[in-house]
């Protein structure tokens, strides 16, 4: 029987409050700006193509369906990652080299806009029936990822999971993709922060140990066939493939000064939302936004608003969430003569677009971060709440 752990859960607010926004003198407060931006959708006509990593397949289609309900002449087509497209969804914080490569391949004559798109929780996923919810500390995960821990009967695993029977199991078989992955970057960022002695490499996108595969799809096919296999994966991907997932510890001090030493589980989406605020958002000279992997479980001050996330914590509960999330980003060709890519991106960061992504197990951006994407994405809202004259506003 699984060990007893302290479980922190959020409570979804069932009642949504409508805010009446009155006229005000610019600059408008962020919450007013967000409310007015949500009131209008700029529609285009035609098809926008978006390249999408395999782990997020179907998520952009879902956003496209929601967009089509208000803009019936605008359609969205998902393409595999790497295919030429004026919009690319990437599973990590893009480097300048990533941006330059996208611009050269997809829009050499136009600037590129970059913004965060959503978060996604990450853990260790494994193919061992009956071992759902093993507790894995940073030291254990570091040992698995560097190839030192190869048995489920390792003393570290036994010590953290005394109520599991870990005997007579196949060896641990580590698997990973041989190109940089956002989930691996998020996990190794967390490991380096939690125990630099156990994981001195810091953030890396690829692993040296274990078996390598060209794509995530190849990795998953092999994992399903090999009992004892393990990999760093988004939790949504693990769930979709019926793989067991590890619970992770959170230690530290929350925003209220409360000391936390607990284990959080993979089955509470509210914890993902809280944990997604544990990121650092930066802006480059062109105004593009970048969000780092969200690690640690404690939101950075100013990056998370519990009320706007529709979460109510139990009285006295610490403000702590899932400790490892990657951040996907959008790369968008900014061509005024072809506005559909930008219009699609504007819709994806709206509440309706974020809600569509959440249905795929992805985590909406915290409201303070989402609002910041309005500027680089050119979401224009006049003081009277009407869209810019050049737009074709449709009530959302």
Protein backbone atom coordinates (compact mmCIF):
# COMPACT_ATOMS: atom_id res chain seq x y z
CA UNK A 1 0.00 0.00 0.00
CA UNK A 2 1.41 3.45 -0.87
CA UNK A 3 2.96 5.46 1.93
CA UNK A 4 0.98 8.21 3.58
CA UNK A 5 2.05 11.64 2.40
CA UNK A 6 0.96 15.15 3.17
CA UNK A 7 -1.22 16.25 0.29
CA UNK A 8 -1.73 19.91 -0.52
CA UNK A 9 -4.76 20.61 -2.65
CA UNK A 10 -6.38 23.71 -4.04
CA UNK A 11 -10.15 24.29 -4.11
CA UNK A 12 -11.70 25.58 -7.30
CA UNK A 13 -14.03 28.49 -6.83
CA UNK A 14 -17.39 27.56 -8.32
CA UNK A 15 -18.69 31.11 -8.59
CA UNK A 16 -17.27 33.58 -11.06
CA UNK A 17 -17.81 37.26 -10.39
CA UNK A 18 -18.51 39.62 -13.28
CA UNK A 19 -16.73 42.93 -12.97
CA UNK A 20 -18.29 46.15 -14.17
CA UNK A 21 -15.57 48.27 -15.73
CA UNK A 22 -16.15 51.99 -15.81
CA UNK A 23 -14.37 54.56 -17.90
CA UNK A 24 -11.02 55.65 -16.56
CA UNK A 25 -8.10 57.78 -17.52
CA UNK A 26 -5.07 55.97 -18.96
CA UNK A 27 -2.90 54.27 -17.95
CA UNK A 28 -5.39 51.56 -17.09
CA UNK A 29 -4.70 49.14 -14.25
CA UNK A 30 -3.65 45.66 -15.42
CA UNK A 31 -6.93 44.02 -14.37
CA UNK A 32 -8.97 46.60 -16.29
CA UNK A 33 -6.72 46.22 -19.33
CA UNK A 34 -7.17 42.44 -19.24
CA UNK A 35 -10.95 42.68 -18.90
CA UNK A 36 -11.22 45.02 -21.88
CA UNK A 37 -8.86 42.98 -23.99
CA UNK A 38 -11.01 39.93 -23.36
CA UNK A 39 -14.10 41.82 -24.56
CA UNK A 40 -12.93 41.94 -28.18
CA UNK A 41 -11.48 39.38 -30.59
CA UNK A 42 -9.86 40.53 -33.81
CA UNK A 43 -10.87 38.13 -36.57
CA UNK A 44 -9.10 37.34 -39.82
CA UNK A 45 -9.86 35.18 -42.81
CA UNK A 46 -7.84 32.18 -43.96
CA UNK A 47 -5.66 29.43 -42.50
CA UNK A 48 -2.77 29.88 -40.10
CA UNK A 49 -0.24 27.06 -39.77
CA UNK A 50 1.41 26.29 -36.43
CA UNK A 51 4.22 23.79 -35.87
CA UNK A 52 3.73 21.84 -32.64
CA UNK A 53 5.90 19.36 -30.69
CA UNK A 54 4.46 15.85 -30.59
CA UNK A 55 3.90 16.01 -26.83
CA UNK A 56 1.44 18.86 -27.33
CA UNK A 57 -0.27 17.43 -30.43
CA UNK A 58 -3.93 18.38 -30.51
CA UNK A 59 -3.60 21.32 -28.14
CA UNK A 60 -3.38 23.94 -30.87
CA UNK A 61 -6.22 22.25 -32.76
CA UNK A 62 -8.31 22.73 -29.63
CA UNK A 63 -7.47 26.43 -29.56
CA UNK A 64 -8.38 26.59 -33.25
CA UNK A 65 -11.82 25.09 -32.59
CA UNK A 66 -12.50 27.69 -29.91
CA UNK A 67 -11.24 30.45 -32.20
CA UNK A 68 -13.48 29.19 -35.01
CA UNK A 69 -16.53 29.59 -32.81
CA UNK A 70 -16.05 33.37 -32.82
CA UNK A 71 -14.09 33.78 -36.06
CA UNK A 72 -15.62 31.23 -38.49
CA UNK A 73 -13.47 32.37 -41.43
CA UNK A 74 -10.23 31.74 -39.53
CA UNK A 75 -8.84 28.19 -39.32
CA UNK A 76 -5.78 26.68 -37.66
CA UNK A 77 -3.66 23.80 -38.98
CA UNK A 78 -1.21 21.93 -36.77
CA UNK A 79 2.07 20.85 -38.36
CA UNK A 80 4.84 18.68 -36.87
CA UNK A 81 7.64 20.48 -35.04
CA UNK A 82 10.25 21.75 -37.45
CA UNK A 83 7.93 22.09 -40.43
CA UNK A 84 7.91 25.57 -42.02
CA UNK A 85 5.15 27.66 -40.45
CA UNK A 86 4.68 31.32 -39.49
CA UNK A 87 4.00 30.27 -35.88
CA UNK A 88 5.98 27.73 -33.89
CA UNK A 89 5.10 26.36 -30.48
CA UNK A 90 8.27 25.25 -28.70
CA UNK A 91 8.47 23.30 -25.44
CA UNK A 92 11.13 25.43 -23.75
CA UNK A 93 12.46 28.92 -23.25
CA UNK A 94 13.94 29.64 -26.71
CA UNK A 95 17.54 30.75 -26.98
CA UNK A 96 18.66 33.45 -29.39
CA UNK A 97 19.94 30.67 -31.64
CA UNK A 98 16.46 29.10 -31.66
CA UNK A 99 14.91 32.44 -32.59
CA UNK A 100 17.46 33.11 -35.33
CA UNK A 101 16.90 29.64 -36.80
CA UNK A 102 13.12 30.15 -36.80
CA UNK A 103 13.46 33.56 -38.44
CA UNK A 104 15.84 32.30 -41.13
CA UNK A 105 13.62 29.33 -41.98
CA UNK A 106 10.18 30.90 -41.70
CA UNK A 107 10.25 34.69 -41.99
CA UNK A 108 13.66 36.02 -43.08
CA UNK A 109 12.21 39.43 -43.97
CA UNK A 110 10.17 39.94 -40.80
CA UNK A 111 10.88 40.30 -37.09
CA UNK A 112 9.95 37.51 -34.69
CA UNK A 113 7.73 37.97 -31.66
CA UNK A 114 8.33 35.66 -28.69
CA UNK A 115 5.99 35.19 -25.71
CA UNK A 116 5.28 32.45 -23.17
CA UNK A 117 2.27 30.30 -24.12
CA UNK A 118 1.57 28.04 -21.12
CA UNK A 119 3.23 25.95 -18.45
CA UNK A 120 3.30 22.16 -18.25
CA UNK A 121 4.09 20.01 -15.21
CA UNK A 122 6.96 17.54 -15.48
CA UNK A 123 7.92 14.45 -13.48
CA UNK A 124 9.56 11.05 -13.77
CA UNK A 125 7.28 8.64 -15.65
CA UNK A 126 7.86 4.89 -15.58
CA UNK A 127 6.43 1.63 -16.85
CA UNK A 128 5.97 -0.44 -13.71
CA UNK A 129 2.43 -1.61 -12.95
CA UNK A 130 1.36 -1.01 -9.37
CA UNK A 131 3.98 1.59 -8.48
CA UNK A 132 1.95 4.75 -9.12
CA UNK A 133 3.03 7.57 -6.83
CA UNK A 134 6.54 6.58 -5.80
CA UNK A 135 8.26 9.42 -3.96
CA UNK A 136 11.43 10.51 -5.73
CA UNK A 137 13.72 13.06 -4.13
CA UNK A 138 16.21 15.20 -6.08
CA UNK A 139 19.00 12.85 -4.98
CA UNK A 140 17.10 9.81 -6.32
CA UNK A 141 16.24 11.47 -9.63
CA UNK A 142 19.82 12.72 -10.03
CA UNK A 143 21.09 9.18 -9.50
CA UNK A 144 18.69 7.79 -12.10
CA UNK A 145 19.50 10.49 -14.67
CA UNK A 146 23.26 10.17 -14.32
CA UNK A 147 23.08 6.36 -14.49
CA UNK A 148 24.13 5.60 -10.91
CA UNK A 149 20.78 4.21 -9.75
CA UNK A 150 19.77 1.25 -11.90
CA UNK A 151 17.73 -0.87 -9.48
CA UNK A 152 14.28 -0.30 -8.01
CA UNK A 153 15.68 -1.86 -4.84
CA UNK A 154 18.25 0.91 -4.44
CA UNK A 155 18.50 1.88 -0.77
CA UNK A 156 17.43 5.48 -1.49
CA UNK A 157 14.22 4.37 -3.19
CA UNK A 158 13.48 1.86 -0.44
CA UNK A 159 13.97 4.47 2.28
CA UNK A 160 11.51 6.92 0.68
CA UNK A 161 8.92 4.26 -0.20
CA UNK A 162 8.69 1.77 2.67
CA UNK A 163 5.10 0.78 1.86
CA UNK A 164 5.87 -0.31 -1.72
CA UNK A 165 7.16 -3.72 -2.73
CA UNK A 166 10.12 -2.95 -4.98
CA UNK A 167 11.51 -6.49 -5.13
CA UNK A 168 11.79 -8.78 -8.17
CA UNK A 169 11.46 -5.93 -10.68
CA UNK A 170 13.46 -5.52 -13.90
CA UNK A 171 16.36 -3.08 -13.80
CA UNK A 172 15.66 0.62 -14.23
CA UNK A 173 16.07 1.48 -17.92
CA UNK A 174 16.55 5.21 -18.46
CA UNK A 175 15.31 6.59 -21.79
CA UNK A 176 15.48 10.08 -23.31
CA UNK A 177 15.34 12.01 -26.57
CA UNK A 178 18.74 12.80 -28.07
CA UNK A 179 17.90 16.46 -28.80
CA UNK A 180 17.27 19.23 -26.24
CA UNK A 181 13.89 18.88 -24.53
CA UNK A 182 12.04 21.41 -22.42
CA UNK A 183 10.92 18.81 -19.89
CA UNK A 184 14.52 17.74 -19.27
CA UNK A 185 15.57 21.39 -18.95
CA UNK A 186 12.87 21.95 -16.32
CA UNK A 187 13.76 18.81 -14.35
CA UNK A 188 17.51 19.45 -14.35
CA UNK A 189 16.95 23.09 -13.38
CA UNK A 190 15.06 21.87 -10.32
CA UNK A 191 17.68 19.26 -9.48
CA UNK A 192 20.49 21.80 -9.63
CA UNK A 193 18.58 24.21 -7.42
CA UNK A 194 17.62 21.58 -4.85
CA UNK A 195 20.91 19.69 -4.59
CA UNK A 196 23.82 20.99 -6.64
CA UNK A 197 26.09 18.34 -5.14
CA UNK A 198 23.91 15.52 -6.47
CA UNK A 199 23.35 17.28 -9.83
CA UNK A 200 26.30 19.63 -10.54
CA UNK A 201 25.54 19.91 -14.28
CA UNK A 202 22.81 22.53 -13.80
CA UNK A 203 20.21 22.93 -16.54
CA UNK A 204 20.72 20.64 -19.54
CA UNK A 205 18.35 19.66 -22.32
CA UNK A 206 19.81 16.23 -23.07
CA UNK A 207 21.03 13.40 -20.84
CA UNK A 208 24.28 11.52 -21.18
CA UNK A 209 23.12 8.28 -19.58
CA UNK A 210 20.58 5.78 -20.83
CA UNK A 211 19.06 4.89 -24.19
CA UNK A 212 18.49 7.66 -26.76
CA UNK A 213 15.65 8.11 -29.25
CA UNK A 214 15.12 10.49 -32.14
CA UNK A 215 11.65 11.63 -31.07
CA UNK A 216 9.36 11.53 -28.07
CA UNK A 217 7.04 9.24 -30.04
CA UNK A 218 9.88 6.73 -30.52
CA UNK A 219 10.71 6.93 -26.83
CA UNK A 220 7.12 6.29 -25.78
CA UNK A 221 6.78 3.31 -28.11
CA UNK A 222 9.82 1.70 -26.52
CA UNK A 223 8.77 2.60 -22.97
CA UNK A 224 5.44 0.84 -23.43
CA UNK A 225 7.31 -2.33 -24.42
CA UNK A 226 9.95 -2.32 -21.68
CA UNK A 227 8.94 -2.92 -18.07
CA UNK A 228 11.08 -0.90 -15.71
CA UNK A 229 11.71 1.88 -18.24
CA UNK A 230 11.74 5.46 -16.98
CA UNK A 231 11.97 8.95 -18.51
CA UNK A 232 11.50 12.62 -17.76
CA UNK A 233 8.12 13.52 -19.31
CA UNK A 234 5.30 16.05 -19.08
CA UNK A 235 2.67 14.68 -16.72
CA UNK A 236 0.00 15.02 -19.42
CA UNK A 237 2.03 12.80 -21.75
CA UNK A 238 2.52 10.21 -19.01
CA UNK A 239 -1.20 10.15 -18.21
CA UNK A 240 -2.15 9.87 -21.88
CA UNK A 241 0.11 6.84 -22.22
CA UNK A 242 -0.98 5.21 -18.94
CA UNK A 243 2.46 5.49 -17.36
CA UNK A 244 3.00 5.75 -13.61
CA UNK A 245 4.21 9.09 -12.28
CA UNK A 246 6.43 10.02 -9.34
CA UNK A 247 5.38 12.36 -6.53
CA UNK A 248 7.93 15.02 -5.62
CA UNK A 249 9.00 16.76 -2.40
CA UNK A 250 8.79 20.48 -1.77
CA UNK A 251 10.91 22.12 0.88
CA UNK A 252 11.35 25.78 1.67
CA UNK A 253 9.47 28.83 2.91
CA UNK A 254 6.35 30.21 1.26
CA UNK A 255 5.42 33.86 0.71
CA UNK A 256 3.89 34.07 4.19
CA UNK A 257 7.02 32.81 5.90
CA UNK A 258 5.55 29.38 6.53
CA UNK A 259 8.11 26.53 6.48
CA UNK A 260 7.13 23.73 4.10
CA UNK A 261 8.44 20.17 4.08
CA UNK A 262 5.98 17.94 2.24
CA UNK A 263 5.32 15.72 -0.75
CA UNK A 264 2.95 16.84 -3.49
CA UNK A 265 1.10 14.52 -5.83
CA UNK A 266 0.59 14.53 -9.57
CA UNK A 267 -3.21 14.44 -9.46
CA UNK A 268 -4.08 18.04 -8.56
CA UNK A 269 -4.20 20.58 -11.40
CA UNK A 270 -4.55 23.43 -8.92
CA UNK A 271 -1.03 22.72 -7.70
CA UNK A 272 0.22 23.09 -11.27
CA UNK A 273 -1.28 26.59 -11.44
CA UNK A 274 0.40 27.66 -8.22
CA UNK A 275 3.72 26.13 -9.24
CA UNK A 276 3.63 27.89 -12.62
CA UNK A 277 4.20 31.17 -10.80
CA UNK A 278 7.69 30.02 -9.74
CA UNK A 279 9.24 31.40 -12.91
CA UNK A 280 11.33 34.42 -13.79
CA UNK A 281 10.01 36.54 -16.66
CA UNK A 282 12.45 38.69 -18.63
CA UNK A 283 12.13 41.04 -21.60
CA UNK A 284 14.66 41.61 -24.36
CA UNK A 285 15.41 44.86 -26.19
CA UNK A 286 12.69 44.13 -28.76
CA UNK A 287 10.04 43.65 -26.05
CA UNK A 288 9.86 39.85 -26.35
CA UNK A 289 9.03 37.94 -23.17
CA UNK A 290 10.76 34.84 -21.84
CA UNK A 291 9.71 32.65 -18.91
CA UNK A 292 12.21 30.28 -17.30
CA UNK A 293 11.22 26.80 -16.12
CA UNK A 294 9.06 27.16 -13.02
CA UNK A 295 10.80 25.24 -10.27
CA UNK A 296 10.59 24.94 -6.51
CA UNK A 297 6.83 25.20 -6.01
CA UNK A 298 6.85 28.70 -4.49
CA UNK A 299 5.51 31.48 -6.77
CA UNK A 300 7.78 34.45 -7.39
CA UNK A 301 6.35 37.64 -5.94
CA UNK A 302 4.20 39.38 -8.54
CA UNK A 303 3.88 36.33 -10.79
CA UNK A 304 0.80 34.73 -9.28
CA UNK A 305 -2.62 35.96 -8.21
CA UNK A 306 -4.59 33.35 -6.32
CA UNK A 307 -7.99 35.01 -6.87
CA UNK A 308 -7.64 35.33 -10.65
CA UNK A 309 -6.57 31.68 -10.81
CA UNK A 310 -9.90 30.68 -9.21
CA UNK A 311 -8.13 28.93 -6.36
CA UNK A 312 -8.96 29.08 -2.67
CA UNK A 313 -6.50 27.48 -0.29
CA UNK A 314 -7.63 25.97 2.99
CA UNK A 315 -7.13 28.30 5.92
CA UNK A 316 -3.55 28.16 7.10
CA UNK A 317 -2.35 26.09 4.13
CA UNK A 318 0.97 27.19 2.64
CA UNK A 319 1.03 28.68 -0.85
CA UNK A 320 2.93 25.86 -2.55
CA UNK A 321 2.48 24.09 -5.87
CA UNK A 322 3.97 21.48 -8.15
CA UNK A 323 7.76 22.02 -8.15
CA UNK A 324 8.73 21.31 -11.79
CA UNK A 325 7.07 22.95 -14.81
CA UNK A 326 8.41 23.71 -18.24
CA UNK A 327 7.24 26.80 -20.11
CA UNK A 328 6.22 26.54 -23.74
CA UNK A 329 6.66 29.62 -25.92
CA UNK A 330 5.28 30.95 -29.19
CA UNK A 331 7.54 32.20 -31.99
CA UNK A 332 5.52 34.34 -34.41
CA UNK A 333 6.40 35.91 -37.74
CA UNK A 334 5.33 39.57 -37.51
CA UNK A 335 4.26 40.52 -41.03
CA UNK A 336 1.61 43.30 -41.20
CA UNK A 337 0.58 42.05 -44.65
CA UNK A 338 -0.19 38.61 -43.17
CA UNK A 339 -1.86 39.25 -39.80
CA UNK A 340 -3.26 35.76 -39.12
CA UNK A 341 -0.21 34.48 -37.15
CA UNK A 342 -0.40 37.43 -34.78
CA UNK A 343 -4.19 37.21 -34.47
CA UNK A 344 -3.92 33.52 -33.59
CA UNK A 345 -1.31 34.25 -30.92
CA UNK A 346 -3.51 37.00 -29.47
CA UNK A 347 -6.36 34.52 -29.13
CA UNK A 348 -4.19 31.79 -27.60
CA UNK A 349 -3.23 34.04 -24.67
CA UNK A 350 -6.85 35.04 -24.04
CA UNK A 351 -8.78 33.24 -21.34
CA UNK A 352 -10.67 31.19 -23.94
CA UNK A 353 -7.43 30.06 -25.59
CA UNK A 354 -5.80 29.26 -22.26
CA UNK A 355 -8.87 27.28 -21.23
CA UNK A 356 -8.64 25.19 -24.41
CA UNK A 357 -5.03 24.37 -23.57
CA UNK A 358 -5.96 23.39 -20.03
CA UNK A 359 -8.28 20.70 -21.40
CA UNK A 360 -5.10 18.98 -22.69
CA UNK A 361 -3.47 18.87 -19.27
CA UNK A 362 -1.48 22.04 -19.89
CA UNK A 363 -1.31 24.85 -17.36
CA UNK A 364 -2.64 28.34 -18.14
CA UNK A 365 -0.24 31.19 -17.53
CA UNK A 366 -0.78 33.05 -14.25
CA UNK A 367 -2.75 36.22 -14.83
CA UNK A 368 0.13 38.65 -14.09
CA UNK A 369 2.27 36.90 -16.71
CA UNK A 370 -0.56 36.57 -19.24
CA UNK A 371 -1.23 40.29 -19.08
CA UNK A 372 2.42 41.00 -19.88
CA UNK A 373 2.05 39.19 -23.23
CA UNK A 374 -0.44 41.81 -24.44
CA UNK A 375 2.28 44.36 -25.23
CA UNK A 376 4.55 42.28 -27.50
CA UNK A 377 1.46 40.72 -29.15
CA UNK A 378 0.09 44.20 -29.89
CA UNK A 379 -3.20 43.70 -28.11
CA UNK A 380 -4.57 47.23 -28.46
CA UNK A 381 -7.48 48.40 -26.35
CA UNK A 382 -8.58 52.04 -26.50
CA UNK A 383 -9.63 53.94 -23.41
CA UNK A 384 -13.30 53.49 -24.35
CA UNK A 385 -12.81 49.73 -24.56
CA UNK A 386 -13.17 49.47 -28.35
CA UNK A 387 -10.64 47.73 -30.52
CA UNK A 388 -8.25 49.70 -32.70
CA UNK A 389 -9.83 51.05 -35.94
CA UNK A 390 -7.82 48.65 -38.11
CA UNK A 391 -9.19 45.59 -36.34
CA UNK A 392 -12.34 43.60 -37.05
CA UNK A 393 -13.75 43.21 -33.53
CA UNK A 394 -16.13 40.39 -32.69
CA UNK A 395 -17.72 39.93 -29.30
CA UNK A 396 -16.00 37.05 -27.52
